[in-house]
N, C-alpha and C. Protein backbone atom coordinates (compact mmCIF):
# COMPACT_ATOMS: atom_id res chain seq x y z
N MET A 1 -7.55 16.05 -25.45
CA MET A 1 -8.37 15.23 -24.55
C MET A 1 -9.03 16.11 -23.49
N LYS A 2 -10.36 15.95 -23.31
CA LYS A 2 -11.07 16.71 -22.30
C LYS A 2 -10.81 16.11 -20.93
N ARG A 3 -10.47 16.98 -19.97
CA ARG A 3 -10.19 16.51 -18.62
C ARG A 3 -11.16 17.14 -17.64
N THR A 4 -11.45 16.41 -16.56
CA THR A 4 -12.34 16.90 -15.52
C THR A 4 -11.53 17.16 -14.26
N LEU A 5 -11.57 18.40 -13.79
CA LEU A 5 -10.93 18.78 -12.54
C LEU A 5 -11.93 18.63 -11.39
N LEU A 6 -11.41 18.27 -10.23
CA LEU A 6 -12.24 18.08 -9.05
C LEU A 6 -11.81 19.03 -7.95
N GLU A 7 -12.77 19.51 -7.17
CA GLU A 7 -12.49 20.20 -5.92
C GLU A 7 -13.51 19.71 -4.90
N THR A 8 -13.04 19.25 -3.75
CA THR A 8 -13.93 18.84 -2.66
C THR A 8 -13.83 19.88 -1.56
N VAL A 9 -14.94 20.52 -1.27
CA VAL A 9 -14.98 21.71 -0.42
C VAL A 9 -15.80 21.42 0.83
N ARG A 10 -15.21 21.63 1.97
CA ARG A 10 -15.89 21.41 3.25
C ARG A 10 -16.71 22.64 3.64
N MET A 11 -17.94 22.40 4.06
CA MET A 11 -18.79 23.44 4.63
C MET A 11 -18.83 23.26 6.15
N VAL A 12 -18.57 24.35 6.86
CA VAL A 12 -18.56 24.34 8.33
C VAL A 12 -19.38 25.53 8.82
N ASP A 13 -20.44 25.26 9.55
CA ASP A 13 -21.31 26.33 10.08
C ASP A 13 -21.76 27.28 8.97
N GLY A 14 -22.11 26.73 7.83
CA GLY A 14 -22.64 27.53 6.74
C GLY A 14 -21.61 28.26 5.90
N LEU A 15 -20.32 28.04 6.18
CA LEU A 15 -19.25 28.70 5.44
C LEU A 15 -18.30 27.68 4.83
N ALA A 16 -17.54 28.12 3.84
CA ALA A 16 -16.49 27.30 3.23
C ALA A 16 -15.15 27.91 3.63
N PRO A 17 -14.58 27.51 4.77
CA PRO A 17 -13.40 28.19 5.31
C PRO A 17 -12.18 28.19 4.39
N LEU A 18 -12.04 27.18 3.54
CA LEU A 18 -10.85 27.07 2.70
C LEU A 18 -11.13 27.45 1.24
N TRP A 19 -12.21 28.17 1.01
CA TRP A 19 -12.65 28.48 -0.36
C TRP A 19 -11.55 29.16 -1.17
N SER A 20 -10.89 30.16 -0.61
CA SER A 20 -9.86 30.89 -1.36
C SER A 20 -8.70 29.98 -1.74
N LEU A 21 -8.38 29.01 -0.90
CA LEU A 21 -7.30 28.07 -1.22
C LEU A 21 -7.71 27.14 -2.35
N HIS A 22 -8.97 26.73 -2.37
CA HIS A 22 -9.46 25.91 -3.48
C HIS A 22 -9.39 26.68 -4.79
N LEU A 23 -9.79 27.94 -4.77
CA LEU A 23 -9.76 28.73 -6.01
C LEU A 23 -8.33 28.91 -6.51
N GLU A 24 -7.39 29.09 -5.61
CA GLU A 24 -5.98 29.25 -6.01
C GLU A 24 -5.47 27.98 -6.68
N ARG A 25 -5.77 26.82 -6.11
CA ARG A 25 -5.31 25.57 -6.72
C ARG A 25 -6.00 25.34 -8.06
N LEU A 26 -7.30 25.60 -8.10
CA LEU A 26 -8.04 25.39 -9.33
C LEU A 26 -7.50 26.29 -10.45
N ALA A 27 -7.22 27.55 -10.13
CA ALA A 27 -6.69 28.46 -11.13
C ALA A 27 -5.35 27.99 -11.65
N SER A 28 -4.50 27.48 -10.75
CA SER A 28 -3.19 26.98 -11.17
C SER A 28 -3.33 25.78 -12.09
N SER A 29 -4.24 24.86 -11.78
CA SER A 29 -4.44 23.69 -12.63
C SER A 29 -5.04 24.08 -13.98
N CYS A 30 -5.97 25.03 -13.97
CA CYS A 30 -6.57 25.47 -15.23
C CYS A 30 -5.51 26.07 -16.15
N ARG A 31 -4.60 26.85 -15.59
CA ARG A 31 -3.53 27.43 -16.41
C ARG A 31 -2.64 26.33 -16.98
N ALA A 32 -2.27 25.39 -16.14
CA ALA A 32 -1.35 24.33 -16.57
C ALA A 32 -1.97 23.42 -17.62
N LEU A 33 -3.26 23.16 -17.50
CA LEU A 33 -3.94 22.22 -18.39
C LEU A 33 -4.70 22.91 -19.52
N GLU A 34 -4.58 24.25 -19.56
CA GLU A 34 -5.24 25.04 -20.61
C GLU A 34 -6.75 24.82 -20.61
N ILE A 35 -7.31 24.89 -19.40
CA ILE A 35 -8.76 24.81 -19.21
C ILE A 35 -9.23 26.19 -18.76
N ARG A 36 -10.33 26.65 -19.31
CA ARG A 36 -10.85 27.96 -18.91
C ARG A 36 -11.32 27.90 -17.47
N MET A 37 -10.86 28.86 -16.66
CA MET A 37 -11.27 28.92 -15.26
C MET A 37 -12.74 29.30 -15.17
N PRO A 38 -13.55 28.47 -14.53
CA PRO A 38 -14.97 28.80 -14.42
C PRO A 38 -15.22 29.89 -13.37
N GLU A 39 -16.35 30.55 -13.50
CA GLU A 39 -16.77 31.50 -12.48
C GLU A 39 -17.60 30.75 -11.44
N LEU A 40 -17.04 30.63 -10.26
CA LEU A 40 -17.70 29.88 -9.20
C LEU A 40 -18.16 30.83 -8.10
N VAL A 41 -19.34 30.58 -7.57
CA VAL A 41 -19.89 31.37 -6.48
C VAL A 41 -19.61 30.65 -5.17
N GLU A 42 -19.06 31.36 -4.22
CA GLU A 42 -18.75 30.74 -2.93
C GLU A 42 -20.03 30.22 -2.28
N PRO A 43 -20.05 28.94 -1.92
CA PRO A 43 -21.26 28.37 -1.29
C PRO A 43 -21.46 28.92 0.12
N ARG A 44 -22.70 29.03 0.49
CA ARG A 44 -23.07 29.53 1.81
C ARG A 44 -24.25 28.75 2.35
N GLY A 45 -24.33 28.64 3.66
CA GLY A 45 -25.50 28.10 4.33
C GLY A 45 -25.55 26.58 4.33
N GLY A 46 -26.55 26.06 5.02
CA GLY A 46 -26.77 24.63 5.06
C GLY A 46 -26.01 23.93 6.18
N GLU A 47 -26.17 22.63 6.21
CA GLU A 47 -25.52 21.79 7.22
C GLU A 47 -24.04 21.60 6.89
N ASP A 48 -23.28 21.15 7.90
CA ASP A 48 -21.89 20.76 7.65
C ASP A 48 -21.89 19.58 6.67
N ARG A 49 -21.09 19.69 5.60
CA ARG A 49 -21.09 18.69 4.56
C ARG A 49 -19.88 18.91 3.66
N VAL A 50 -19.73 18.05 2.67
CA VAL A 50 -18.66 18.18 1.68
C VAL A 50 -19.29 18.35 0.31
N LEU A 51 -18.90 19.41 -0.40
CA LEU A 51 -19.36 19.64 -1.77
C LEU A 51 -18.28 19.17 -2.73
N ARG A 52 -18.70 18.49 -3.78
CA ARG A 52 -17.77 18.00 -4.81
C ARG A 52 -18.06 18.71 -6.12
N PHE A 53 -17.09 19.52 -6.54
CA PHE A 53 -17.20 20.26 -7.79
C PHE A 53 -16.50 19.46 -8.89
N GLU A 54 -17.20 19.19 -9.97
CA GLU A 54 -16.61 18.58 -11.16
C GLU A 54 -16.59 19.64 -12.25
N ILE A 55 -15.38 20.03 -12.68
CA ILE A 55 -15.22 21.12 -13.62
C ILE A 55 -14.77 20.59 -14.97
N ARG A 56 -15.64 20.71 -15.94
CA ARG A 56 -15.33 20.35 -17.32
C ARG A 56 -15.39 21.61 -18.17
N PRO A 57 -14.81 21.59 -19.37
CA PRO A 57 -14.92 22.77 -20.24
C PRO A 57 -16.38 23.16 -20.46
N GLY A 58 -16.74 24.36 -19.99
CA GLY A 58 -18.09 24.87 -20.18
C GLY A 58 -19.14 24.31 -19.26
N ARG A 59 -18.74 23.55 -18.24
CA ARG A 59 -19.74 22.89 -17.39
C ARG A 59 -19.19 22.63 -16.00
N VAL A 60 -20.00 22.91 -14.98
CA VAL A 60 -19.64 22.61 -13.59
C VAL A 60 -20.79 21.87 -12.94
N GLU A 61 -20.51 20.73 -12.34
CA GLU A 61 -21.52 19.96 -11.60
C GLU A 61 -21.12 19.92 -10.13
N VAL A 62 -22.11 20.07 -9.26
CA VAL A 62 -21.86 20.06 -7.82
C VAL A 62 -22.74 19.01 -7.17
N THR A 63 -22.13 18.13 -6.40
CA THR A 63 -22.86 17.16 -5.60
C THR A 63 -22.41 17.31 -4.15
N GLU A 64 -23.10 16.68 -3.24
CA GLU A 64 -22.71 16.79 -1.84
C GLU A 64 -22.81 15.45 -1.14
N ARG A 65 -22.04 15.36 -0.05
CA ARG A 65 -22.05 14.13 0.75
C ARG A 65 -21.79 14.49 2.20
N ALA A 66 -21.99 13.52 3.08
CA ALA A 66 -21.70 13.72 4.50
C ALA A 66 -20.20 13.82 4.71
N VAL A 67 -19.81 14.40 5.84
CA VAL A 67 -18.39 14.64 6.12
C VAL A 67 -17.63 13.34 6.29
N GLY A 68 -18.17 12.39 6.98
CA GLY A 68 -17.44 11.15 7.22
C GLY A 68 -16.72 11.17 8.55
N SER A 69 -16.14 10.05 8.93
CA SER A 69 -15.50 9.88 10.23
C SER A 69 -14.25 10.75 10.37
N LEU A 70 -14.04 11.25 11.57
CA LEU A 70 -12.83 12.00 11.90
C LEU A 70 -11.92 11.20 12.84
N ALA A 71 -12.18 9.90 12.94
CA ALA A 71 -11.39 9.04 13.81
C ALA A 71 -10.01 8.81 13.22
N PRO A 72 -9.03 8.48 14.06
CA PRO A 72 -7.70 8.13 13.55
C PRO A 72 -7.80 7.00 12.53
N ILE A 73 -6.85 6.97 11.60
CA ILE A 73 -6.92 6.01 10.49
C ILE A 73 -5.72 5.07 10.49
N ALA A 74 -5.92 3.94 9.84
CA ALA A 74 -4.86 2.95 9.62
C ALA A 74 -4.52 2.92 8.14
N LEU A 75 -3.23 2.91 7.82
CA LEU A 75 -2.78 2.89 6.44
C LEU A 75 -2.09 1.58 6.09
N ALA A 76 -2.37 1.10 4.89
CA ALA A 76 -1.57 0.05 4.30
C ALA A 76 -0.45 0.69 3.49
N ILE A 77 0.51 -0.10 3.06
CA ILE A 77 1.54 0.37 2.13
C ILE A 77 1.24 -0.26 0.78
N SER A 78 0.99 0.59 -0.21
CA SER A 78 0.64 0.08 -1.53
C SER A 78 1.87 -0.53 -2.20
N PRO A 79 1.73 -1.71 -2.80
CA PRO A 79 2.86 -2.30 -3.53
C PRO A 79 3.10 -1.59 -4.87
N ALA A 80 2.10 -0.86 -5.36
CA ALA A 80 2.25 -0.15 -6.64
C ALA A 80 2.89 1.21 -6.40
N PRO A 81 3.81 1.64 -7.25
CA PRO A 81 4.45 2.95 -7.06
C PRO A 81 3.51 4.09 -7.39
N HIS A 82 3.79 5.24 -6.81
CA HIS A 82 3.04 6.46 -7.11
C HIS A 82 3.37 6.90 -8.54
N ARG A 83 2.34 7.24 -9.31
CA ARG A 83 2.52 7.58 -10.72
C ARG A 83 2.63 9.08 -10.98
N GLY A 84 2.36 9.88 -9.96
CA GLY A 84 2.32 11.33 -10.15
C GLY A 84 0.88 11.79 -10.29
N TYR A 85 0.50 12.76 -9.45
CA TYR A 85 -0.88 13.27 -9.43
C TYR A 85 -0.82 14.75 -9.08
N ARG A 86 -0.35 15.55 -10.02
CA ARG A 86 -0.05 16.96 -9.76
C ARG A 86 -1.28 17.86 -9.85
N HIS A 87 -2.36 17.35 -10.42
CA HIS A 87 -3.62 18.09 -10.51
C HIS A 87 -4.74 17.16 -10.08
N LYS A 88 -5.76 17.73 -9.43
CA LYS A 88 -6.84 16.89 -8.91
C LYS A 88 -7.81 16.59 -10.05
N LEU A 89 -7.52 15.53 -10.76
CA LEU A 89 -8.29 15.12 -11.93
C LEU A 89 -9.19 13.92 -11.60
N ALA A 90 -10.29 13.83 -12.33
CA ALA A 90 -11.18 12.68 -12.16
C ALA A 90 -10.55 11.39 -12.65
N ASP A 91 -9.53 11.49 -13.49
CA ASP A 91 -8.82 10.32 -14.01
C ASP A 91 -7.86 9.81 -12.93
N ARG A 92 -8.40 8.99 -12.02
CA ARG A 92 -7.61 8.53 -10.87
C ARG A 92 -7.92 7.07 -10.55
N ALA A 93 -8.14 6.29 -11.57
CA ALA A 93 -8.49 4.88 -11.36
C ALA A 93 -7.39 4.13 -10.60
N TRP A 94 -6.11 4.46 -10.87
CA TRP A 94 -5.02 3.76 -10.19
C TRP A 94 -4.99 4.08 -8.70
N LEU A 95 -5.38 5.31 -8.32
CA LEU A 95 -5.48 5.64 -6.90
C LEU A 95 -6.67 4.93 -6.26
N ASP A 96 -7.79 4.90 -6.97
CA ASP A 96 -8.97 4.22 -6.44
C ASP A 96 -8.71 2.73 -6.25
N ALA A 97 -7.92 2.12 -7.14
CA ALA A 97 -7.61 0.70 -7.02
C ALA A 97 -6.76 0.44 -5.77
N ALA A 98 -5.79 1.31 -5.51
CA ALA A 98 -4.96 1.17 -4.31
C ALA A 98 -5.79 1.35 -3.05
N HIS A 99 -6.72 2.30 -3.09
CA HIS A 99 -7.60 2.53 -1.94
C HIS A 99 -8.49 1.31 -1.69
N ALA A 100 -9.10 0.79 -2.75
CA ALA A 100 -9.99 -0.36 -2.61
C ALA A 100 -9.25 -1.58 -2.07
N SER A 101 -8.01 -1.78 -2.50
CA SER A 101 -7.23 -2.91 -2.00
C SER A 101 -6.96 -2.77 -0.51
N ALA A 102 -6.65 -1.55 -0.05
CA ALA A 102 -6.40 -1.32 1.37
C ALA A 102 -7.66 -1.57 2.19
N VAL A 103 -8.78 -1.06 1.72
CA VAL A 103 -10.04 -1.23 2.45
C VAL A 103 -10.43 -2.70 2.52
N ALA A 104 -10.19 -3.43 1.44
CA ALA A 104 -10.51 -4.86 1.43
C ALA A 104 -9.71 -5.63 2.47
N ASN A 105 -8.55 -5.10 2.84
CA ASN A 105 -7.70 -5.75 3.83
C ASN A 105 -7.86 -5.14 5.22
N GLY A 106 -8.93 -4.34 5.41
CA GLY A 106 -9.24 -3.82 6.73
C GLY A 106 -8.57 -2.52 7.10
N GLU A 107 -7.88 -1.86 6.14
CA GLU A 107 -7.24 -0.57 6.40
C GLU A 107 -8.13 0.55 5.86
N ASP A 108 -7.80 1.79 6.20
CA ASP A 108 -8.60 2.93 5.76
C ASP A 108 -8.11 3.53 4.45
N ASP A 109 -6.84 3.40 4.16
CA ASP A 109 -6.28 3.97 2.94
C ASP A 109 -4.91 3.35 2.73
N ALA A 110 -4.29 3.70 1.59
CA ALA A 110 -2.97 3.16 1.25
C ALA A 110 -1.98 4.29 1.04
N LEU A 111 -0.80 4.13 1.59
CA LEU A 111 0.29 5.08 1.40
C LEU A 111 1.12 4.62 0.20
N LEU A 112 1.37 5.54 -0.73
CA LEU A 112 2.12 5.21 -1.94
C LEU A 112 3.51 5.83 -1.88
N PHE A 113 4.47 5.12 -2.46
CA PHE A 113 5.86 5.53 -2.46
C PHE A 113 6.35 5.71 -3.90
N THR A 114 7.42 6.46 -4.07
CA THR A 114 8.08 6.52 -5.37
C THR A 114 8.76 5.18 -5.63
N GLU A 115 9.23 5.00 -6.85
CA GLU A 115 9.97 3.78 -7.16
C GLU A 115 11.26 3.69 -6.37
N ASP A 116 11.76 4.85 -5.91
CA ASP A 116 12.98 4.86 -5.09
C ASP A 116 12.69 4.64 -3.61
N GLY A 117 11.42 4.51 -3.24
CA GLY A 117 11.08 4.18 -1.86
C GLY A 117 10.81 5.35 -0.95
N ALA A 118 10.47 6.52 -1.50
CA ALA A 118 10.13 7.68 -0.68
C ALA A 118 8.61 7.83 -0.61
N PRO A 119 8.04 8.04 0.58
CA PRO A 119 6.59 8.22 0.67
C PRO A 119 6.16 9.51 -0.02
N VAL A 120 5.01 9.45 -0.71
CA VAL A 120 4.49 10.62 -1.42
C VAL A 120 3.18 11.09 -0.80
N GLU A 121 2.18 10.23 -0.76
CA GLU A 121 0.87 10.58 -0.21
C GLU A 121 0.02 9.32 -0.17
N ALA A 122 -1.09 9.39 0.55
CA ALA A 122 -2.09 8.33 0.49
C ALA A 122 -3.06 8.66 -0.64
N THR A 123 -3.96 7.74 -0.95
CA THR A 123 -4.83 7.95 -2.10
C THR A 123 -5.83 9.08 -1.87
N ARG A 124 -6.18 9.34 -0.61
CA ARG A 124 -7.16 10.38 -0.29
C ARG A 124 -6.69 11.38 0.74
N TRP A 125 -5.43 11.26 1.15
CA TRP A 125 -4.90 12.12 2.20
C TRP A 125 -3.47 12.54 1.86
N ALA A 126 -3.12 13.76 2.21
CA ALA A 126 -1.71 14.12 2.32
C ALA A 126 -1.21 13.57 3.65
N VAL A 127 0.01 13.06 3.68
CA VAL A 127 0.55 12.42 4.87
C VAL A 127 1.83 13.14 5.29
N GLY A 128 1.87 13.57 6.55
CA GLY A 128 3.05 14.23 7.09
C GLY A 128 3.51 13.57 8.37
N TRP A 129 4.56 14.09 8.95
CA TRP A 129 5.12 13.50 10.18
C TRP A 129 5.83 14.58 10.98
N TRP A 130 6.05 14.28 12.24
CA TRP A 130 6.72 15.20 13.15
C TRP A 130 8.19 14.84 13.29
N GLU A 131 9.03 15.88 13.18
CA GLU A 131 10.45 15.79 13.55
C GLU A 131 10.65 16.73 14.73
N ASP A 132 10.58 16.18 15.93
CA ASP A 132 10.54 17.00 17.14
C ASP A 132 9.35 17.95 17.04
N GLU A 133 9.58 19.27 16.97
CA GLU A 133 8.47 20.22 16.89
C GLU A 133 8.17 20.64 15.46
N GLU A 134 8.91 20.13 14.48
CA GLU A 134 8.69 20.50 13.09
C GLU A 134 7.73 19.54 12.41
N LEU A 135 6.81 20.12 11.65
CA LEU A 135 5.89 19.31 10.86
C LEU A 135 6.43 19.21 9.44
N CYS A 136 6.60 18.00 8.94
CA CYS A 136 7.23 17.75 7.64
C CYS A 136 6.26 17.05 6.69
N PHE A 137 6.42 17.35 5.41
CA PHE A 137 5.68 16.67 4.35
C PHE A 137 6.62 16.38 3.20
N PRO A 138 6.33 15.37 2.38
CA PRO A 138 7.16 15.10 1.20
C PRO A 138 7.13 16.29 0.24
N PRO A 139 8.23 16.61 -0.42
CA PRO A 139 8.24 17.70 -1.40
C PRO A 139 7.32 17.37 -2.57
N LEU A 140 6.67 18.41 -3.10
CA LEU A 140 5.77 18.21 -4.24
C LEU A 140 6.52 17.76 -5.48
N SER A 141 7.83 17.93 -5.50
CA SER A 141 8.62 17.46 -6.64
C SER A 141 8.56 15.95 -6.81
N LEU A 142 8.10 15.23 -5.78
CA LEU A 142 7.94 13.78 -5.89
C LEU A 142 6.69 13.41 -6.68
N GLY A 143 5.84 14.38 -6.97
CA GLY A 143 4.68 14.11 -7.81
C GLY A 143 3.35 14.09 -7.10
N GLY A 144 3.32 14.44 -5.81
CA GLY A 144 2.07 14.44 -5.07
C GLY A 144 1.19 15.64 -5.40
N LEU A 145 -0.07 15.55 -4.97
CA LEU A 145 -1.04 16.61 -5.21
C LEU A 145 -0.72 17.82 -4.35
N PRO A 146 -0.80 19.04 -4.91
CA PRO A 146 -0.71 20.25 -4.08
C PRO A 146 -1.95 20.36 -3.20
N SER A 147 -1.89 19.73 -2.07
CA SER A 147 -3.04 19.56 -1.20
C SER A 147 -3.47 20.88 -0.55
N VAL A 148 -4.76 21.17 -0.62
CA VAL A 148 -5.31 22.33 0.09
C VAL A 148 -5.11 22.16 1.59
N GLY A 149 -5.23 20.94 2.08
CA GLY A 149 -4.99 20.70 3.50
C GLY A 149 -3.58 21.04 3.91
N ARG A 150 -2.61 20.71 3.08
CA ARG A 150 -1.21 21.06 3.38
C ARG A 150 -1.01 22.57 3.42
N VAL A 151 -1.64 23.27 2.49
CA VAL A 151 -1.51 24.73 2.48
C VAL A 151 -2.11 25.32 3.75
N ARG A 152 -3.26 24.81 4.15
CA ARG A 152 -3.86 25.28 5.40
C ARG A 152 -2.93 25.03 6.58
N LEU A 153 -2.30 23.87 6.64
CA LEU A 153 -1.37 23.59 7.72
C LEU A 153 -0.19 24.55 7.71
N SER A 154 0.29 24.91 6.53
CA SER A 154 1.42 25.84 6.45
C SER A 154 1.05 27.20 7.03
N GLU A 155 -0.24 27.56 7.00
CA GLU A 155 -0.70 28.79 7.63
C GLU A 155 -0.69 28.69 9.15
N MET A 156 -0.92 27.49 9.65
CA MET A 156 -1.14 27.29 11.07
C MET A 156 0.15 27.09 11.86
N VAL A 157 1.12 26.44 11.24
CA VAL A 157 2.33 26.04 11.96
C VAL A 157 3.36 27.17 11.91
N ARG A 158 3.89 27.52 13.03
CA ARG A 158 4.90 28.58 13.07
C ARG A 158 6.10 28.19 12.21
N GLY A 159 6.44 29.06 11.27
CA GLY A 159 7.53 28.76 10.36
C GLY A 159 7.12 27.92 9.17
N GLY A 160 5.83 27.54 9.09
CA GLY A 160 5.35 26.72 7.98
C GLY A 160 5.74 25.27 8.13
N ILE A 161 5.46 24.50 7.10
CA ILE A 161 5.84 23.09 7.11
C ILE A 161 7.16 22.92 6.35
N ARG A 162 7.91 21.90 6.72
CA ARG A 162 9.20 21.66 6.08
C ARG A 162 9.08 20.50 5.10
N MET A 163 9.66 20.70 3.92
CA MET A 163 9.68 19.64 2.93
C MET A 163 10.85 18.70 3.23
N ALA A 164 10.59 17.41 3.27
CA ALA A 164 11.64 16.44 3.58
C ALA A 164 11.28 15.10 2.95
N GLU A 165 12.28 14.27 2.73
CA GLU A 165 12.07 12.93 2.21
C GLU A 165 12.43 11.91 3.27
N LEU A 166 11.71 10.81 3.25
CA LEU A 166 11.98 9.69 4.15
C LEU A 166 12.22 8.43 3.33
N THR A 167 12.87 7.48 3.95
CA THR A 167 12.97 6.15 3.36
C THR A 167 11.76 5.33 3.80
N ARG A 168 11.56 4.21 3.15
CA ARG A 168 10.45 3.32 3.51
C ARG A 168 10.59 2.85 4.96
N ALA A 169 11.81 2.61 5.40
CA ALA A 169 12.01 2.16 6.78
C ALA A 169 11.80 3.29 7.77
N ALA A 170 12.27 4.49 7.44
CA ALA A 170 12.20 5.61 8.38
C ALA A 170 10.77 6.05 8.65
N VAL A 171 9.88 5.93 7.66
CA VAL A 171 8.51 6.40 7.86
C VAL A 171 7.82 5.63 8.97
N ARG A 172 8.26 4.40 9.21
CA ARG A 172 7.67 3.58 10.26
C ARG A 172 8.05 4.06 11.66
N THR A 173 9.02 4.92 11.78
CA THR A 173 9.49 5.38 13.09
C THR A 173 8.90 6.73 13.48
N LYS A 174 8.08 7.34 12.62
CA LYS A 174 7.61 8.70 12.85
C LYS A 174 6.19 8.74 13.41
N SER A 175 5.87 9.85 14.07
CA SER A 175 4.50 10.15 14.43
C SER A 175 3.83 10.79 13.23
N LEU A 176 2.82 10.12 12.67
CA LEU A 176 2.25 10.50 11.38
C LEU A 176 0.88 11.15 11.55
N LEU A 177 0.55 12.02 10.60
CA LEU A 177 -0.79 12.57 10.52
C LEU A 177 -1.23 12.64 9.07
N ALA A 178 -2.54 12.72 8.87
CA ALA A 178 -3.11 12.84 7.52
C ALA A 178 -4.01 14.06 7.49
N CYS A 179 -4.09 14.70 6.32
CA CYS A 179 -4.98 15.85 6.18
C CYS A 179 -5.54 15.89 4.77
N ASN A 180 -6.75 16.43 4.68
CA ASN A 180 -7.31 16.79 3.38
C ASN A 180 -8.35 17.88 3.61
N ALA A 181 -8.88 18.42 2.52
CA ALA A 181 -9.78 19.57 2.62
C ALA A 181 -11.22 19.16 2.86
N ALA A 182 -11.49 17.87 2.98
CA ALA A 182 -12.83 17.40 3.29
C ALA A 182 -13.01 17.11 4.77
N ARG A 183 -11.99 16.49 5.38
CA ARG A 183 -12.12 16.09 6.78
C ARG A 183 -11.10 16.73 7.70
N GLY A 184 -10.23 17.58 7.16
CA GLY A 184 -9.27 18.25 8.02
C GLY A 184 -8.10 17.37 8.38
N ILE A 185 -7.75 17.32 9.66
CA ILE A 185 -6.60 16.56 10.14
C ILE A 185 -7.08 15.37 10.95
N VAL A 186 -6.48 14.21 10.71
CA VAL A 186 -6.71 13.05 11.55
C VAL A 186 -5.36 12.40 11.86
N PRO A 187 -5.20 11.87 13.07
CA PRO A 187 -3.98 11.11 13.37
C PRO A 187 -3.96 9.79 12.60
N ILE A 188 -2.78 9.31 12.30
CA ILE A 188 -2.59 7.96 11.76
C ILE A 188 -2.13 7.08 12.92
N TYR A 189 -2.93 6.08 13.26
CA TYR A 189 -2.60 5.28 14.43
C TYR A 189 -1.89 3.97 14.08
N GLN A 190 -1.94 3.60 12.78
CA GLN A 190 -1.34 2.32 12.40
C GLN A 190 -0.85 2.39 10.96
N LEU A 191 0.34 1.85 10.72
CA LEU A 191 0.89 1.76 9.37
C LEU A 191 1.31 0.32 9.11
N GLU A 192 0.65 -0.30 8.15
CA GLU A 192 0.96 -1.69 7.77
C GLU A 192 0.97 -2.61 8.99
N GLY A 193 -0.05 -2.43 9.85
CA GLY A 193 -0.20 -3.29 11.02
C GLY A 193 0.64 -2.90 12.21
N GLN A 194 1.48 -1.88 12.09
CA GLN A 194 2.35 -1.45 13.18
C GLN A 194 1.81 -0.17 13.79
N LEU A 195 1.69 -0.13 15.12
CA LEU A 195 1.16 1.05 15.79
C LEU A 195 2.10 2.25 15.59
N VAL A 196 1.49 3.42 15.41
CA VAL A 196 2.23 4.67 15.20
C VAL A 196 2.17 5.49 16.48
N SER A 197 3.30 6.05 16.88
CA SER A 197 3.34 6.86 18.10
C SER A 197 2.50 8.12 17.93
N PRO A 198 1.62 8.43 18.90
CA PRO A 198 0.81 9.65 18.79
C PRO A 198 1.64 10.89 19.12
N ASN A 199 1.14 12.06 18.74
CA ASN A 199 1.78 13.32 19.07
C ASN A 199 0.68 14.32 19.42
N HIS A 200 0.80 14.93 20.60
CA HIS A 200 -0.26 15.83 21.07
C HIS A 200 -0.44 17.04 20.16
N ARG A 201 0.60 17.39 19.39
CA ARG A 201 0.49 18.53 18.48
C ARG A 201 -0.52 18.29 17.37
N THR A 202 -0.66 17.03 16.97
CA THR A 202 -1.63 16.70 15.93
C THR A 202 -3.05 17.06 16.38
N LEU A 203 -3.42 16.70 17.60
CA LEU A 203 -4.76 16.98 18.09
C LEU A 203 -4.97 18.48 18.28
N ALA A 204 -3.92 19.20 18.66
CA ALA A 204 -4.04 20.66 18.80
C ALA A 204 -4.32 21.31 17.46
N LEU A 205 -3.64 20.85 16.41
CA LEU A 205 -3.89 21.38 15.06
C LEU A 205 -5.28 21.00 14.57
N GLN A 206 -5.68 19.78 14.87
CA GLN A 206 -7.00 19.30 14.45
C GLN A 206 -8.10 20.22 14.98
N ALA A 207 -7.96 20.67 16.20
CA ALA A 207 -8.98 21.51 16.83
C ALA A 207 -9.07 22.90 16.20
N ARG A 208 -7.98 23.35 15.55
CA ARG A 208 -7.96 24.71 14.99
C ARG A 208 -8.08 24.75 13.48
N PHE A 209 -8.15 23.61 12.83
CA PHE A 209 -7.99 23.56 11.38
C PHE A 209 -8.97 24.44 10.62
N TRP A 210 -10.24 24.46 11.01
CA TRP A 210 -11.26 25.17 10.25
C TRP A 210 -11.43 26.62 10.69
N LYS A 211 -10.70 27.06 11.71
CA LYS A 211 -10.91 28.39 12.27
C LYS A 211 -9.98 29.42 11.64
N ARG A 212 -10.20 29.71 10.36
CA ARG A 212 -9.41 30.73 9.68
C ARG A 212 -9.95 32.11 10.02
N PRO A 213 -9.06 33.11 10.12
CA PRO A 213 -9.53 34.47 10.43
C PRO A 213 -10.57 34.98 9.45
N SER A 214 -10.43 34.60 8.15
CA SER A 214 -11.35 35.08 7.12
C SER A 214 -12.73 34.46 7.24
N ALA A 215 -12.82 33.35 8.00
CA ALA A 215 -14.10 32.68 8.16
C ALA A 215 -14.93 33.34 9.26
């Protein structure tokens, strides 16, 4: 079966600050799925925007869109369990359905859990939380996407990020944040209608997210 891999790449001041991280993830997925790694040229110039690469065997298509809002977001809790999304594939109808359901109910995205009740990720964001001064994310062994945003955060946080699991009840007690490689970091201000406690560290990371030394 032919599969289409996706990479969404943010352009900031004419540069793609996370380009090397995208290539690392893409190479890993190509090896796992036995897809030939394409030769991609690092994009340069132009306005701040998001580029969407669709990689098929022997073919690469690139489209672009505006960055979108960087405002704090509200999450619903999806009633459907997370199915596993270890590679960024275009075959994601079940994630799009969960997202559409959340938006229809006035939320920005949906947080998905394993069948055992552990949070994995939102449909368009990696979701983490603060334990005092430690930044935590669900382990990838739960089936979530190896997020480029998470890797960038591991570069920024002293000691890296810690892998941890939460229960469905415990996630409601944490200060939450969301990240992805298109919009960076945004605070989560509401989960299933309940206000989420803010954390000043989230805003500090948000301000530094795109400022990599290599950029």
